């Protein structure tokens, strides 16, 4: 790739509803686009990977799923592969096997951070439609390191949470509806990148290393985050609040990362699951207790004892679920307090 200081790295992140936007966007990119385009969406680990074919049918540029270790070329659109973070490491694409962020891998934030670390003001970051707020922290890193920031207009988005979160976290340079995004990016690509905004922070370097698969540990984590009373939903370790982050984020020493919104959403889902399990267990307990009494009344002592033993077992399960519900409630209150 050219070493001239132009805006030649376009990083795009999206989730719910983004496929339709991407089809419109890539159709408007010219065949001689003086930039490389990288796309990360929330795809499941077992995804059949039809997006490259879908976008290729609309694009004047070659569209392929990224390959670990391949060099970056201008005029090419690279899509994230399932179950790996798409990272830009110097002039090379790298797959990151690091922990999930916001419960997903690939996650948008690692791609944005790696682009900001490697290319600074040459980066154009775009957040599309999606749920929760993946991409907001990474877009903040792009802006902090001199890059250009773009967000799909929330009123135009199928799911407005990601665009709104990005707008809350970053003073963005451009907001546009899906129909205008391709032309907007084409106009920005190749323009003067301007000077670099100093050296990237050590915290940015560390978080990119984590996404790449580097071991974190408590000592390194303390350099960028402070321990809290919250627990990681993935590994049940202590979560630490990432200092100076926009939006508010947490990491555990394994490296799992959550924004406050994603953490609350996970806790809410857990609450619902626990409530259903408690209801089912209470119904079973009521039923076996009734069956034990009926067996006693009719002289079936052995059957009664069997049902009574099962009732004791169900009571133990109910108590375990009750304790889990109390823990989840405390986590929810704590994370909402942190977010306020």
C-alpha atoms as a PDB file:
ATOM      1  CA  UNK A   1       0.000   0.000   0.000  1.00  0.00           C
ATOM      2  CA  UNK A   2       1.022   3.597  -0.566  1.00  0.00           C
ATOM      3  CA  UNK A   3       2.706   5.309   2.330  1.00  0.00           C
ATOM      4  CA  UNK A   4       1.248   8.733   1.464  1.00  0.00           C
ATOM      5  CA  UNK A   5      -0.861  10.299   4.165  1.00  0.00           C
ATOM      6  CA  UNK A   6      -4.309   9.928   2.644  1.00  0.00           C
ATOM      7  CA  UNK A   7      -7.509   8.530   4.075  1.00  0.00           C
ATOM      8  CA  UNK A   8      -7.163   5.059   2.616  1.00  0.00           C
ATOM      9  CA  UNK A   9      -8.421   2.740   5.387  1.00  0.00           C
ATOM     10  CA  UNK A  10     -12.211   2.444   5.720  1.00  0.00           C
ATOM     11  CA  UNK A  11     -13.432   0.337   8.651  1.00  0.00           C
ATOM     12  CA  UNK A  12     -17.158  -0.460   8.813  1.00  0.00           C
ATOM     13  CA  UNK A  13     -19.028  -2.124  11.663  1.00  0.00           C
ATOM     14  CA  UNK A  14     -22.659  -3.158  11.820  1.00  0.00           C
ATOM     15  CA  UNK A  15     -25.088  -5.639  13.286  1.00  0.00           C
ATOM     16  CA  UNK A  16     -28.874  -6.074  13.016  1.00  0.00           C
ATOM     17  CA  UNK A  17     -30.040  -4.808   9.627  1.00  0.00           C
ATOM     18  CA  UNK A  18     -26.549  -4.016   8.334  1.00  0.00           C
ATOM     19  CA  UNK A  19     -26.561  -6.451   5.395  1.00  0.00           C
ATOM     20  CA  UNK A  20     -29.123  -4.372   3.525  1.00  0.00           C
ATOM     21  CA  UNK A  21     -27.165  -1.195   4.231  1.00  0.00           C
ATOM     22  CA  UNK A  22     -23.918  -2.776   3.052  1.00  0.00           C
ATOM     23  CA  UNK A  23     -25.512  -3.837  -0.239  1.00  0.00           C
ATOM     24  CA  UNK A  24     -26.498  -0.229  -0.919  1.00  0.00           C
ATOM     25  CA  UNK A  25     -23.174   1.136   0.295  1.00  0.00           C
ATOM     26  CA  UNK A  26     -20.828  -1.066  -1.742  1.00  0.00           C
ATOM     27  CA  UNK A  27     -22.844  -0.469  -4.910  1.00  0.00           C
ATOM     28  CA  UNK A  28     -21.925   3.216  -4.687  1.00  0.00           C
ATOM     29  CA  UNK A  29     -18.172   2.698  -4.218  1.00  0.00           C
ATOM     30  CA  UNK A  30     -16.249   3.311  -7.464  1.00  0.00           C
ATOM     31  CA  UNK A  31     -14.026   0.687  -9.053  1.00  0.00           C
ATOM     32  CA  UNK A  32     -10.997   2.962  -8.592  1.00  0.00           C
ATOM     33  CA  UNK A  33     -11.603   3.640  -4.884  1.00  0.00           C
ATOM     34  CA  UNK A  34      -8.217   4.725  -3.452  1.00  0.00           C
ATOM     35  CA  UNK A  35      -8.754   2.893  -0.179  1.00  0.00           C
ATOM     36  CA  UNK A  36      -9.118  -0.521   1.428  1.00  0.00           C
ATOM     37  CA  UNK A  37     -12.447  -1.385   3.050  1.00  0.00           C
ATOM     38  CA  UNK A  38     -12.859  -3.648   6.088  1.00  0.00           C
ATOM     39  CA  UNK A  39     -16.229  -4.865   7.329  1.00  0.00           C
ATOM     40  CA  UNK A  40     -16.997  -6.549  10.637  1.00  0.00           C
ATOM     41  CA  UNK A  41     -20.535  -7.642  11.474  1.00  0.00           C
ATOM     42  CA  UNK A  42     -21.930  -9.834  14.229  1.00  0.00           C
ATOM     43  CA  UNK A  43     -21.892 -13.226  12.539  1.00  0.00           C
ATOM     44  CA  UNK A  44     -22.296 -16.546  14.401  1.00  0.00           C
ATOM     45  CA  UNK A  45     -19.346 -18.922  14.667  1.00  0.00           C
ATOM     46  CA  UNK A  46     -21.073 -21.463  12.399  1.00  0.00           C
ATOM     47  CA  UNK A  47     -22.125 -18.920   9.756  1.00  0.00           C
ATOM     48  CA  UNK A  48     -22.102 -20.325   6.182  1.00  0.00           C
ATOM     49  CA  UNK A  49     -20.560 -17.035   5.051  1.00  0.00           C
ATOM     50  CA  UNK A  50     -22.840 -15.897   2.218  1.00  0.00           C
ATOM     51  CA  UNK A  51     -22.164 -12.171   2.683  1.00  0.00           C
ATOM     52  CA  UNK A  52     -19.115 -12.050   0.334  1.00  0.00           C
ATOM     53  CA  UNK A  53     -21.206 -13.467  -2.523  1.00  0.00           C
ATOM     54  CA  UNK A  54     -24.134 -11.165  -1.731  1.00  0.00           C
ATOM     55  CA  UNK A  55     -21.961  -8.034  -1.723  1.00  0.00           C
ATOM     56  CA  UNK A  56     -19.884  -9.149  -4.718  1.00  0.00           C
ATOM     57  CA  UNK A  57     -23.049  -9.143  -6.808  1.00  0.00           C
ATOM     58  CA  UNK A  58     -23.458  -5.419  -6.056  1.00  0.00           C
ATOM     59  CA  UNK A  59     -19.857  -4.218  -5.822  1.00  0.00           C
ATOM     60  CA  UNK A  60     -17.489  -2.878  -8.481  1.00  0.00           C
ATOM     61  CA  UNK A  61     -14.639  -3.795  -6.110  1.00  0.00           C
ATOM     62  CA  UNK A  62     -13.492  -7.336  -5.276  1.00  0.00           C
ATOM     63  CA  UNK A  63     -15.152  -8.595  -2.085  1.00  0.00           C
ATOM     64  CA  UNK A  64     -13.670 -11.508  -0.144  1.00  0.00           C
ATOM     65  CA  UNK A  65     -13.639 -12.935   3.334  1.00  0.00           C
ATOM     66  CA  UNK A  66     -10.374 -11.871   4.933  1.00  0.00           C
ATOM     67  CA  UNK A  67      -7.528 -14.376   5.279  1.00  0.00           C
ATOM     68  CA  UNK A  68      -5.207 -14.433   8.265  1.00  0.00           C
ATOM     69  CA  UNK A  69      -1.816 -12.977   7.342  1.00  0.00           C
ATOM     70  CA  UNK A  70      -2.721 -11.584   3.939  1.00  0.00           C
ATOM     71  CA  UNK A  71      -1.324  -8.175   2.906  1.00  0.00           C
ATOM     72  CA  UNK A  72      -3.694  -5.230   2.657  1.00  0.00           C
ATOM     73  CA  UNK A  73      -4.404  -4.000  -0.865  1.00  0.00           C
ATOM     74  CA  UNK A  74      -6.165  -0.875  -2.033  1.00  0.00           C
ATOM     75  CA  UNK A  75      -9.407  -1.204  -3.924  1.00  0.00           C
ATOM     76  CA  UNK A  76     -10.446  -4.343  -2.052  1.00  0.00           C
ATOM     77  CA  UNK A  77     -13.260  -5.071   0.415  1.00  0.00           C
ATOM     78  CA  UNK A  78     -12.389  -7.505   3.221  1.00  0.00           C
ATOM     79  CA  UNK A  79     -15.045  -9.135   5.407  1.00  0.00           C
ATOM     80  CA  UNK A  80     -14.485 -10.532   8.891  1.00  0.00           C
ATOM     81  CA  UNK A  81     -14.427 -14.319   9.237  1.00  0.00           C
ATOM     82  CA  UNK A  82     -16.640 -16.146  11.767  1.00  0.00           C
ATOM     83  CA  UNK A  83     -15.330 -16.526  15.331  1.00  0.00           C
ATOM     84  CA  UNK A  84     -12.268 -14.298  14.833  1.00  0.00           C
ATOM     85  CA  UNK A  85     -11.668 -10.598  15.410  1.00  0.00           C
ATOM     86  CA  UNK A  86     -10.610  -8.856  12.201  1.00  0.00           C
ATOM     87  CA  UNK A  87      -7.477  -6.872  13.060  1.00  0.00           C
ATOM     88  CA  UNK A  88      -5.270  -4.563  10.992  1.00  0.00           C
ATOM     89  CA  UNK A  89      -1.701  -5.024  12.139  1.00  0.00           C
ATOM     90  CA  UNK A  90       0.564  -2.745  10.133  1.00  0.00           C
ATOM     91  CA  UNK A  91       0.095  -3.587   6.471  1.00  0.00           C
ATOM     92  CA  UNK A  92      -1.285  -7.045   7.225  1.00  0.00           C
ATOM     93  CA  UNK A  93      -4.622  -8.554   8.206  1.00  0.00           C
ATOM     94  CA  UNK A  94      -4.523 -10.660  11.353  1.00  0.00           C
ATOM     95  CA  UNK A  95      -7.192 -12.855  12.875  1.00  0.00           C
ATOM     96  CA  UNK A  96      -7.589 -12.299  16.599  1.00  0.00           C
ATOM     97  CA  UNK A  97      -8.453 -15.305  18.750  1.00  0.00           C
ATOM     98  CA  UNK A  98      -8.705 -13.129  21.855  1.00  0.00           C
ATOM     99  CA  UNK A  99     -11.752 -13.158  24.166  1.00  0.00           C
ATOM    100  CA  UNK A 100     -15.172 -12.044  23.016  1.00  0.00           C
ATOM    101  CA  UNK A 101     -16.173  -8.426  23.428  1.00  0.00           C
ATOM    102  CA  UNK A 102     -19.804  -7.588  24.142  1.00  0.00           C
ATOM    103  CA  UNK A 103     -20.493 -11.328  23.869  1.00  0.00           C
ATOM    104  CA  UNK A 104     -19.389 -11.513  20.204  1.00  0.00           C
ATOM    105  CA  UNK A 105     -16.390 -12.437  18.084  1.00  0.00           C
ATOM    106  CA  UNK A 106     -15.801 -10.884  15.624  1.00  0.00           C
ATOM    107  CA  UNK A 107     -16.465  -7.662  17.482  1.00  0.00           C
ATOM    108  CA  UNK A 108     -16.361  -4.242  15.858  1.00  0.00           C
ATOM    109  CA  UNK A 109     -14.400  -2.460  18.587  1.00  0.00           C
ATOM    110  CA  UNK A 110     -11.182  -4.535  18.167  1.00  0.00           C
ATOM    111  CA  UNK A 111     -11.136  -3.875  14.409  1.00  0.00           C
ATOM    112  CA  UNK A 112     -11.616  -0.137  14.955  1.00  0.00           C
ATOM    113  CA  UNK A 113      -8.914  -0.025  17.646  1.00  0.00           C
ATOM    114  CA  UNK A 114      -6.396  -1.925  15.537  1.00  0.00           C
ATOM    115  CA  UNK A 115      -7.050   0.396  12.595  1.00  0.00           C
ATOM    116  CA  UNK A 116      -6.546   3.439  14.821  1.00  0.00           C
ATOM    117  CA  UNK A 117      -3.336   1.974  16.226  1.00  0.00           C
ATOM    118  CA  UNK A 118      -1.825   1.081  12.844  1.00  0.00           C
ATOM    119  CA  UNK A 119      -3.055   3.918  10.647  1.00  0.00           C
ATOM    120  CA  UNK A 120      -4.110   6.874  12.834  1.00  0.00           C
ATOM    121  CA  UNK A 121      -5.490   9.754  10.728  1.00  0.00           C
ATOM    122  CA  UNK A 122      -5.694   7.565   7.615  1.00  0.00           C
ATOM    123  CA  UNK A 123      -8.695   5.720   9.076  1.00  0.00           C
ATOM    124  CA  UNK A 124     -12.352   6.360   8.310  1.00  0.00           C
ATOM    125  CA  UNK A 125     -14.609   4.545  10.798  1.00  0.00           C
ATOM    126  CA  UNK A 126     -18.299   3.938  10.126  1.00  0.00           C
ATOM    127  CA  UNK A 127     -20.920   2.559  12.546  1.00  0.00           C
ATOM    128  CA  UNK A 128     -24.061   1.121  10.996  1.00  0.00           C
ATOM    129  CA  UNK A 129     -27.368  -0.124  12.383  1.00  0.00           C
ATOM    130  CA  UNK A 130     -27.280  -2.567  15.287  1.00  0.00           C
ATOM    131  CA  UNK A 131     -28.333  -3.404  18.831  1.00  0.00           C
ATOM    132  CA  UNK A 132     -26.507  -2.328  22.016  1.00  0.00           C
ATOM    133  CA  UNK A 133     -23.280  -0.354  21.536  1.00  0.00           C
ATOM    134  CA  UNK A 134     -20.468  -2.371  19.971  1.00  0.00           C
ATOM    135  CA  UNK A 135     -18.385   0.006  17.848  1.00  0.00           C
ATOM    136  CA  UNK A 136     -18.784   3.112  20.003  1.00  0.00           C
ATOM    137  CA  UNK A 137     -15.567   2.596  21.988  1.00  0.00           C
ATOM    138  CA  UNK A 138     -13.618   1.726  18.853  1.00  0.00           C
ATOM    139  CA  UNK A 139     -14.964   4.768  17.017  1.00  0.00           C
ATOM    140  CA  UNK A 140     -13.802   6.866  19.970  1.00  0.00           C
ATOM    141  CA  UNK A 141     -10.302   5.401  19.519  1.00  0.00           C
ATOM    142  CA  UNK A 142     -10.356   6.289  15.815  1.00  0.00           C
ATOM    143  CA  UNK A 143     -11.378   9.863  16.600  1.00  0.00           C
ATOM    144  CA  UNK A 144      -8.777  10.210  19.379  1.00  0.00           C
ATOM    145  CA  UNK A 145      -6.033   9.110  16.986  1.00  0.00           C
ATOM    146  CA  UNK A 146      -6.969  11.613  14.289  1.00  0.00           C
ATOM    147  CA  UNK A 147      -9.268   9.492  12.127  1.00  0.00           C
ATOM    148  CA  UNK A 148     -12.555  10.429  10.495  1.00  0.00           C
ATOM    149  CA  UNK A 149     -15.794   9.205  12.089  1.00  0.00           C
ATOM    150  CA  UNK A 150     -19.091   8.468  10.352  1.00  0.00           C
ATOM    151  CA  UNK A 151     -22.391   7.140  11.723  1.00  0.00           C
ATOM    152  CA  UNK A 152     -25.526   5.979   9.942  1.00  0.00           C
ATOM    153  CA  UNK A 153     -28.384   8.294  10.892  1.00  0.00           C
ATOM    154  CA  UNK A 154     -30.308   6.662  13.773  1.00  0.00           C
ATOM    155  CA  UNK A 155     -33.685   7.519  12.222  1.00  0.00           C
ATOM    156  CA  UNK A 156     -32.614   5.631   9.101  1.00  0.00           C
ATOM    157  CA  UNK A 157     -31.347   2.560  10.996  1.00  0.00           C
ATOM    158  CA  UNK A 158     -33.328  -0.655  11.449  1.00  0.00           C
ATOM    159  CA  UNK A 159     -31.829  -0.841  14.965  1.00  0.00           C
ATOM    160  CA  UNK A 160     -30.810   2.582  16.234  1.00  0.00           C
ATOM    161  CA  UNK A 161     -28.931   1.592  19.415  1.00  0.00           C
ATOM    162  CA  UNK A 162     -25.448   1.315  17.891  1.00  0.00           C
ATOM    163  CA  UNK A 163     -25.686   4.613  15.952  1.00  0.00           C
ATOM    164  CA  UNK A 164     -27.069   6.407  19.016  1.00  0.00           C
ATOM    165  CA  UNK A 165     -24.330   4.990  21.263  1.00  0.00           C
ATOM    166  CA  UNK A 166     -21.667   6.088  18.785  1.00  0.00           C
ATOM    167  CA  UNK A 167     -23.111   9.596  18.678  1.00  0.00           C
ATOM    168  CA  UNK A 168     -23.119   9.742  22.484  1.00  0.00           C
ATOM    169  CA  UNK A 169     -19.495   8.590  22.740  1.00  0.00           C
ATOM    170  CA  UNK A 170     -17.955  10.564  19.877  1.00  0.00           C
ATOM    171  CA  UNK A 171     -18.295  14.002  18.305  1.00  0.00           C
ATOM    172  CA  UNK A 172     -18.584  12.459  14.850  1.00  0.00           C
ATOM    173  CA  UNK A 173     -17.607  14.109  11.588  1.00  0.00           C
ATOM    174  CA  UNK A 174     -20.490  12.873   9.437  1.00  0.00           C
ATOM    175  CA  UNK A 175     -24.010  11.468   9.934  1.00  0.00           C
ATOM    176  CA  UNK A 176     -25.840  10.170   6.872  1.00  0.00           C
ATOM    177  CA  UNK A 177     -28.635   7.786   5.831  1.00  0.00           C
ATOM    178  CA  UNK A 178     -27.798   4.469   4.194  1.00  0.00           C
ATOM    179  CA  UNK A 179     -28.533   5.787   0.702  1.00  0.00           C
ATOM    180  CA  UNK A 180     -25.773   8.416   1.045  1.00  0.00           C
ATOM    181  CA  UNK A 181     -23.049   6.459   2.861  1.00  0.00           C
ATOM    182  CA  UNK A 182     -21.330   4.963  -0.198  1.00  0.00           C
ATOM    183  CA  UNK A 183     -21.020   8.314  -1.978  1.00  0.00           C
ATOM    184  CA  UNK A 184     -19.863   9.940   1.263  1.00  0.00           C
ATOM    185  CA  UNK A 185     -17.087   7.379   1.784  1.00  0.00           C
ATOM    186  CA  UNK A 186     -16.041   7.642  -1.855  1.00  0.00           C
ATOM    187  CA  UNK A 187     -15.689  11.399  -1.420  1.00  0.00           C
ATOM    188  CA  UNK A 188     -13.578  11.043   1.731  1.00  0.00           C
ATOM    189  CA  UNK A 189     -11.308   8.270   0.400  1.00  0.00           C
ATOM    190  CA  UNK A 190      -7.999   9.535  -0.920  1.00  0.00           C
ATOM    191  CA  UNK A 191      -8.274  12.955   0.712  1.00  0.00           C
ATOM    192  CA  UNK A 192      -5.473  14.380   2.859  1.00  0.00           C
ATOM    193  CA  UNK A 193      -5.221  12.531   6.165  1.00  0.00           C
ATOM    194  CA  UNK A 194      -3.530  15.338   8.022  1.00  0.00           C
ATOM    195  CA  UNK A 195      -0.887  14.968  10.715  1.00  0.00           C
ATOM    196  CA  UNK A 196      -0.828  12.196  13.291  1.00  0.00           C
ATOM    197  CA  UNK A 197      -2.160  13.059  16.747  1.00  0.00           C
ATOM    198  CA  UNK A 198       0.934  11.936  18.648  1.00  0.00           C
ATOM    199  CA  UNK A 199       1.726   8.354  19.574  1.00  0.00           C
ATOM    200  CA  UNK A 200      -1.077   5.866  20.299  1.00  0.00           C
ATOM    201  CA  UNK A 201      -1.661   5.234  23.993  1.00  0.00           C
ATOM    202  CA  UNK A 202      -0.288   2.207  25.805  1.00  0.00           C
ATOM    203  CA  UNK A 203      -3.862   1.233  26.720  1.00  0.00           C
ATOM    204  CA  UNK A 204      -4.822   1.127  23.038  1.00  0.00           C
ATOM    205  CA  UNK A 205      -1.838  -1.087  22.268  1.00  0.00           C
ATOM    206  CA  UNK A 206      -2.713  -3.404  25.142  1.00  0.00           C
ATOM    207  CA  UNK A 207      -6.337  -3.794  24.088  1.00  0.00           C
ATOM    208  CA  UNK A 208      -5.310  -4.605  20.518  1.00  0.00           C
ATOM    209  CA  UNK A 209      -2.884  -7.211  21.875  1.00  0.00           C
ATOM    210  CA  UNK A 210      -5.696  -8.725  23.963  1.00  0.00           C
ATOM    211  CA  UNK A 211      -7.914  -9.038  20.878  1.00  0.00           C
ATOM    212  CA  UNK A 212      -5.012 -10.691  19.038  1.00  0.00           C
ATOM    213  CA  UNK A 213      -4.830 -13.349  21.743  1.00  0.00           C
ATOM    214  CA  UNK A 214      -2.145 -12.094  24.123  1.00  0.00           C
ATOM    215  CA  UNK A 215      -2.509 -13.211  27.740  1.00  0.00           C
ATOM    216  CA  UNK A 216      -3.762 -10.410  29.956  1.00  0.00           C
ATOM    217  CA  UNK A 217      -3.625 -11.232  33.661  1.00  0.00           C
ATOM    218  CA  UNK A 218      -4.334  -9.037  36.664  1.00  0.00           C
ATOM    219  CA  UNK A 219      -1.041  -7.102  36.595  1.00  0.00           C
ATOM    220  CA  UNK A 220      -1.490  -5.878  33.025  1.00  0.00           C
ATOM    221  CA  UNK A 221      -5.198  -5.243  33.559  1.00  0.00           C
ATOM    222  CA  UNK A 222      -4.473  -2.854  36.449  1.00  0.00           C
ATOM    223  CA  UNK A 223      -2.590  -0.620  34.009  1.00  0.00           C
ATOM    224  CA  UNK A 224      -5.820   0.259  32.225  1.00  0.00           C
ATOM    225  CA  UNK A 225      -8.640  -0.643  34.614  1.00  0.00           C
ATOM    226  CA  UNK A 226      -9.739  -0.580  38.259  1.00  0.00           C
ATOM    227  CA  UNK A 227     -11.468  -3.543  39.981  1.00  0.00           C
ATOM    228  CA  UNK A 228     -15.197  -3.330  40.698  1.00  0.00           C
ATOM    229  CA  UNK A 229     -17.744  -5.417  42.598  1.00  0.00           C
ATOM    230  CA  UNK A 230     -19.091  -6.844  39.330  1.00  0.00           C
ATOM    231  CA  UNK A 231     -18.538 -10.377  38.047  1.00  0.00           C
ATOM    232  CA  UNK A 232     -17.712 -11.440  34.489  1.00  0.00           C
ATOM    233  CA  UNK A 233     -20.656 -13.380  33.005  1.00  0.00           C
ATOM    234  CA  UNK A 234     -18.249 -15.487  30.920  1.00  0.00           C
ATOM    235  CA  UNK A 235     -15.667 -16.674  33.456  1.00  0.00           C
ATOM    236  CA  UNK A 236     -17.117 -15.341  36.763  1.00  0.00           C
ATOM    237  CA  UNK A 237     -13.916 -13.449  37.519  1.00  0.00           C
ATOM    238  CA  UNK A 238     -13.762  -9.873  38.822  1.00  0.00           C
ATOM    239  CA  UNK A 239     -14.625  -7.185  36.292  1.00  0.00           C
ATOM    240  CA  UNK A 240     -12.508  -4.019  36.211  1.00  0.00           C
ATOM    241  CA  UNK A 241     -13.686  -0.672  34.888  1.00  0.00           C
ATOM    242  CA  UNK A 242     -11.572   0.543  31.953  1.00  0.00           C
ATOM    243  CA  UNK A 243     -10.356   4.008  32.917  1.00  0.00           C
ATOM    244  CA  UNK A 244     -11.231   6.922  30.656  1.00  0.00           C
ATOM    245  CA  UNK A 245     -13.337   4.809  28.310  1.00  0.00           C
ATOM    246  CA  UNK A 246     -16.167   6.158  26.207  1.00  0.00           C
ATOM    247  CA  UNK A 247     -18.635   4.495  26.619  1.00  0.00           C
ATOM    248  CA  UNK A 248     -18.221   2.913  30.059  1.00  0.00           C
ATOM    249  CA  UNK A 249     -16.575  -0.523  29.674  1.00  0.00           C
ATOM    250  CA  UNK A 250     -15.370  -3.421  31.821  1.00  0.00           C
ATOM    251  CA  UNK A 251     -12.781  -6.194  31.390  1.00  0.00           C
ATOM    252  CA  UNK A 252     -11.876  -9.258  33.412  1.00  0.00           C
ATOM    253  CA  UNK A 253      -8.316 -10.541  33.730  1.00  0.00           C
ATOM    254  CA  UNK A 254      -9.017 -13.188  31.085  1.00  0.00           C
ATOM    255  CA  UNK A 255      -9.832 -10.338  28.711  1.00  0.00           C
ATOM    256  CA  UNK A 256     -13.607 -10.645  28.254  1.00  0.00           C
ATOM    257  CA  UNK A 257     -14.948  -7.150  27.649  1.00  0.00           C
ATOM    258  CA  UNK A 258     -18.382  -5.612  28.134  1.00  0.00           C
ATOM    259  CA  UNK A 259     -19.817  -2.169  27.781  1.00  0.00           C
ATOM    260  CA  UNK A 260     -22.163  -1.259  30.612  1.00  0.00           C
ATOM    261  CA  UNK A 261     -25.140  -1.583  28.242  1.00  0.00           C
ATOM    262  CA  UNK A 262     -24.101  -5.049  27.109  1.00  0.00           C
ATOM    263  CA  UNK A 263     -23.537  -6.133  30.696  1.00  0.00           C
ATOM    264  CA  UNK A 264     -26.980  -4.934  31.773  1.00  0.00           C
ATOM    265  CA  UNK A 265     -28.570  -6.663  28.764  1.00  0.00           C
ATOM    266  CA  UNK A 266     -26.862  -9.919  29.717  1.00  0.00           C
ATOM    267  CA  UNK A 267     -27.994  -9.570  33.328  1.00  0.00           C
ATOM    268  CA  UNK A 268     -31.570  -8.884  32.203  1.00  0.00           C
ATOM    269  CA  UNK A 269     -31.529 -12.046  30.058  1.00  0.00           C
ATOM    270  CA  UNK A 270     -30.145 -13.993  33.008  1.00  0.00           C
ATOM    271  CA  UNK A 271     -32.864 -12.599  35.272  1.00  0.00           C
ATOM    272  CA  UNK A 272     -35.556 -13.777  32.861  1.00  0.00           C
ATOM    273  CA  UNK A 273     -34.045 -17.253  32.602  1.00  0.00           C
ATOM    274  CA  UNK A 274     -33.766 -17.564  36.390  1.00  0.00           C
ATOM    275  CA  UNK A 275     -37.368 -16.447  36.882  1.00  0.00           C
ATOM    276  CA  UNK A 276     -38.601 -19.084  34.435  1.00  0.00           C
ATOM    277  CA  UNK A 277     -36.502 -21.765  36.120  1.00  0.00           C
ATOM    278  CA  UNK A 278     -37.781 -20.746  39.573  1.00  0.00           C
ATOM    279  CA  UNK A 279     -41.384 -20.903  38.409  1.00  0.00           C
ATOM    280  CA  UNK A 280     -40.911 -24.351  36.884  1.00  0.00           C
ATOM    281  CA  UNK A 281     -39.165 -25.617  40.031  1.00  0.00           C
ATOM    282  CA  UNK A 282     -41.893 -24.223  42.310  1.00  0.00           C
ATOM    283  CA  UNK A 283     -44.549 -25.925  40.191  1.00  0.00           C
ATOM    284  CA  UNK A 284     -42.692 -29.237  40.403  1.00  0.00           C
ATOM    285  CA  UNK A 285     -42.245 -28.854  44.155  1.00  0.00           C
ATOM    286  CA  UNK A 286     -45.950 -28.166  44.657  1.00  0.00           C
ATOM    287  CA  UNK A 287     -46.870 -31.179  42.548  1.00  0.00           C
ATOM    288  CA  UNK A 288     -44.570 -33.731  44.248  1.00  0.00           C
ATOM    289  CA  UNK A 289     -45.609 -32.504  47.721  1.00  0.00           C
ATOM    290  CA  UNK A 290     -49.250 -33.015  46.736  1.00  0.00           C
ATOM    291  CA  UNK A 291     -48.425 -36.493  45.380  1.00  0.00           C
ATOM    292  CA  UNK A 292     -46.562 -37.369  48.615  1.00  0.00           C
ATOM    293  CA  UNK A 293     -49.598 -36.405  50.725  1.00  0.00           C
ATOM    294  CA  UNK A 294     -51.879 -38.410  48.480  1.00  0.00           C
ATOM    295  CA  UNK A 295     -49.608 -41.449  48.798  1.00  0.00           C
ATOM    296  CA  UNK A 296     -49.577 -41.115  52.622  1.00  0.00           C
ATOM    297  CA  UNK A 297     -53.351 -40.813  52.725  1.00  0.00           C
ATOM    298  CA  UNK A 298     -53.808 -43.982  50.708  1.00  0.00           C
ATOM    299  CA  UNK A 299     -51.273 -46.020  52.660  1.00  0.00           C
ATOM    300  CA  UNK A 300     -48.559 -46.146  49.993  1.00  0.00           C
ATOM    301  CA  UNK A 301     -45.675 -45.412  52.337  1.00  0.00           C
ATOM    302  CA  UNK A 302     -42.830 -46.336  49.972  1.00  0.00           C
ATOM    303  CA  UNK A 303     -44.228 -44.130  47.198  1.00  0.00           C
ATOM    304  CA  UNK A 304     -44.750 -41.274  49.658  1.00  0.00           C
ATOM    305  CA  UNK A 305     -41.137 -41.465  50.799  1.00  0.00           C
ATOM    306  CA  UNK A 306     -39.960 -41.353  47.181  1.00  0.00           C
ATOM    307  CA  UNK A 307     -41.957 -38.193  46.501  1.00  0.00           C
ATOM    308  CA  UNK A 308     -40.865 -36.612  49.780  1.00  0.00           C
ATOM    309  CA  UNK A 309     -37.200 -37.211  48.892  1.00  0.00           C
ATOM    310  CA  UNK A 310     -37.792 -35.607  45.523  1.00  0.00           C
ATOM    311  CA  UNK A 311     -39.452 -32.625  47.239  1.00  0.00           C
ATOM    312  CA  UNK A 312     -36.338 -32.119  49.374  1.00  0.00           C
ATOM    313  CA  UNK A 313     -34.221 -32.191  46.215  1.00  0.00           C
ATOM    314  CA  UNK A 314     -36.456 -29.619  44.496  1.00  0.00           C
ATOM    315  CA  UNK A 315     -36.306 -27.350  47.549  1.00  0.00           C
ATOM    316  CA  UNK A 316     -32.504 -27.380  47.318  1.00  0.00           C
ATOM    317  CA  UNK A 317     -32.687 -26.458  43.633  1.00  0.00           C
ATOM    318  CA  UNK A 318     -35.128 -23.655  44.435  1.00  0.00           C
ATOM    319  CA  UNK A 319     -32.782 -22.236  47.072  1.00  0.00           C
ATOM    320  CA  UNK A 320     -29.879 -22.306  44.601  1.00  0.00           C
ATOM    321  CA  UNK A 321     -31.982 -20.450  42.047  1.00  0.00           C
ATOM    322  CA  UNK A 322     -33.066 -17.926  44.677  1.00  0.00           C
ATOM    323  CA  UNK A 323     -29.440 -17.182  45.538  1.00  0.00           C
ATOM    324  CA  UNK A 324     -28.638 -16.827  41.824  1.00  0.00           C
ATOM    325  CA  UNK A 325     -31.527 -14.397  41.438  1.00  0.00           C
ATOM    326  CA  UNK A 326     -30.276 -12.279  44.352  1.00  0.00           C
ATOM    327  CA  UNK A 327     -26.763 -12.222  42.877  1.00  0.00           C
ATOM    328  CA  UNK A 328     -28.090 -11.223  39.454  1.00  0.00           C
ATOM    329  CA  UNK A 329     -30.172  -8.476  41.042  1.00  0.00           C
ATOM    330  CA  UNK A 330     -27.110  -7.071  42.836  1.00  0.00           C
ATOM    331  CA  UNK A 331     -25.118  -7.145  39.591  1.00  0.00           C
ATOM    332  CA  UNK A 332     -27.877  -5.360  37.729  1.00  0.00           C
ATOM    333  CA  UNK A 333     -28.143  -2.638  40.338  1.00  0.00           C
ATOM    334  CA  UNK A 334     -24.367  -2.199  40.493  1.00  0.00           C
ATOM    335  CA  UNK A 335     -23.944  -1.946  36.708  1.00  0.00           C
ATOM    336  CA  UNK A 336     -26.812   0.521  36.392  1.00  0.00           C
ATOM    337  CA  UNK A 337     -25.285   2.593  39.195  1.00  0.00           C
ATOM    338  CA  UNK A 338     -21.926   2.577  37.382  1.00  0.00           C
ATOM    339  CA  UNK A 339     -23.663   3.666  34.171  1.00  0.00           C
ATOM    340  CA  UNK A 340     -25.492   6.588  35.800  1.00  0.00           C
END
